[in-house]
Amino acid sequence: MTPIRETTGNSIVPVASYRLCRDLAVTTSSARKALPTGYLVVTLKAVDCRMKFKLGDGTVAAALADDGADGALEAGDSIDVPVRAGETHVAAIAVAGSGTLYVMGRT
């Protein structure tokens, strides 16, 4: 892994690398996207709005009133989520407005 250099010349070595970044347009209607395959952990990053998300199979849907949702993210927040057996997709729904959910496989 090649170190990233700061402007001061100091090296910053990433602890983990991200692979296969996918983006999901998030609105006030549930939308889903396939997870990158072969990863035990994915990083989810919310941009431009607060959203709820849920991992599941190809039929997974997120709902604002869903107490079974895996979590919520504020705009700008990210979270590492373990991928359990049978989870192939992530669904997200915006609390208000619209935004993007970035989905990245972690190595």
Protein backbone atom coordinates (compact mmCIF):
# COMPACT_ATOMS: atom_id res chain seq x y z
CA MET A 1 0.00 0.00 0.00
CA THR A 2 1.52 3.32 -1.05
CA PRO A 3 1.60 5.98 1.68
CA ILE A 4 -0.23 9.23 1.05
CA ARG A 5 1.91 12.33 1.66
CA GLU A 6 0.68 15.39 3.51
CA THR A 7 1.87 18.80 2.38
CA THR A 8 4.27 18.74 5.37
CA GLY A 9 5.93 15.61 3.94
CA ASN A 10 4.66 13.27 6.66
CA SER A 11 3.34 9.90 5.53
CA ILE A 12 -0.24 8.84 6.18
CA VAL A 13 -0.69 5.11 5.72
CA PRO A 14 -4.31 4.01 5.30
CA VAL A 15 -5.38 1.33 7.79
CA ALA A 16 -7.80 -0.23 5.32
CA SER A 17 -8.42 0.21 1.64
CA TYR A 18 -11.79 0.76 0.04
CA ARG A 19 -12.88 -1.07 -3.08
CA LEU A 20 -15.77 -1.00 -5.53
CA CYS A 21 -17.45 2.22 -4.46
CA ARG A 22 -21.10 2.30 -5.48
CA ASP A 23 -23.53 5.16 -5.10
CA LEU A 24 -27.23 5.03 -4.35
CA ALA A 25 -29.52 8.01 -5.00
CA VAL A 26 -31.56 8.44 -1.82
CA THR A 27 -34.96 10.16 -1.76
CA THR A 28 -38.05 9.93 0.43
CA SER A 29 -38.90 6.65 -1.34
CA SER A 30 -36.90 3.53 -0.52
CA ALA A 31 -34.19 2.57 -3.01
CA ARG A 32 -31.72 -0.31 -2.98
CA LYS A 33 -28.36 -1.21 -4.47
CA ALA A 34 -26.36 -4.45 -4.60
CA LEU A 35 -23.46 -4.61 -2.15
CA PRO A 36 -19.98 -5.19 -3.51
CA THR A 37 -19.50 -8.96 -3.37
CA GLY A 38 -16.88 -10.80 -1.38
CA TYR A 39 -16.59 -8.34 1.53
CA LEU A 40 -17.31 -9.02 5.20
CA VAL A 41 -17.56 -5.29 5.97
CA VAL A 42 -18.90 -2.36 3.96
CA THR A 43 -18.56 1.33 4.69
CA LEU A 44 -21.67 3.46 4.17
CA LYS A 45 -21.33 7.24 3.79
CA ALA A 46 -24.31 9.60 3.72
CA VAL A 47 -24.10 12.81 1.69
CA ASP A 48 -26.55 15.76 1.62
CA CYS A 49 -29.32 14.36 3.88
CA ARG A 50 -30.15 12.31 6.96
CA MET A 51 -31.14 8.77 6.00
CA LYS A 52 -32.09 5.38 7.39
CA PHE A 53 -30.59 2.21 5.94
CA LYS A 54 -31.15 -1.52 6.06
CA LEU A 55 -29.16 -4.47 4.71
CA GLY A 56 -30.91 -7.55 3.35
CA ASP A 57 -31.58 -9.59 0.24
CA GLY A 58 -32.69 -8.38 -3.19
CA THR A 59 -36.12 -7.39 -1.83
CA VAL A 60 -34.93 -5.29 1.13
CA ALA A 61 -36.67 -1.94 1.64
CA ALA A 62 -36.04 0.87 4.10
CA ALA A 63 -38.86 2.70 5.85
CA LEU A 64 -38.84 5.76 8.08
CA ALA A 65 -40.99 4.05 10.72
CA ASP A 66 -38.98 0.81 10.51
CA ASP A 67 -37.72 -0.14 13.96
CA GLY A 68 -35.88 -3.01 12.27
CA ALA A 69 -33.67 -0.63 10.28
CA ASP A 70 -29.96 -1.26 10.73
CA GLY A 71 -29.30 2.39 11.44
CA ALA A 72 -29.50 6.04 10.55
CA LEU A 73 -26.82 8.37 9.25
CA GLU A 74 -26.62 12.13 9.41
CA ALA A 75 -25.37 13.94 6.30
CA GLY A 76 -21.59 13.58 6.19
CA ASP A 77 -21.47 10.59 8.55
CA SER A 78 -20.12 7.17 7.70
CA ILE A 79 -20.28 3.78 9.37
CA ASP A 80 -18.66 0.38 8.92
CA VAL A 81 -21.28 -2.36 8.80
CA PRO A 82 -20.64 -6.12 8.95
CA VAL A 83 -22.26 -8.05 6.12
CA ARG A 84 -24.17 -11.04 7.49
CA ALA A 85 -25.03 -14.24 5.64
CA GLY A 86 -27.75 -13.62 3.03
CA GLU A 87 -27.23 -9.86 2.87
CA THR A 88 -26.66 -8.86 -0.74
CA HIS A 89 -28.24 -5.37 -0.93
CA VAL A 90 -28.57 -2.15 1.03
CA ALA A 91 -31.73 -0.03 1.02
CA ALA A 92 -31.94 3.59 2.13
CA ILE A 93 -34.57 6.28 2.54
CA ALA A 94 -34.14 10.01 3.18
CA VAL A 95 -35.74 11.50 6.27
CA ALA A 96 -36.20 14.68 4.23
CA GLY A 97 -34.81 15.96 0.96
CA SER A 98 -32.46 13.84 -1.09
CA GLY A 99 -28.86 12.73 -1.10
CA THR A 100 -26.44 9.96 -1.92
CA LEU A 101 -25.37 6.88 -0.02
CA TYR A 102 -21.87 5.68 -0.96
CA VAL A 103 -21.31 1.95 -0.45
CA MET A 104 -17.69 0.75 -0.31
CA GLY A 105 -16.28 -2.72 0.25
CA ARG A 106 -13.59 -2.86 2.95
CA THR A 107 -10.46 -4.97 2.86
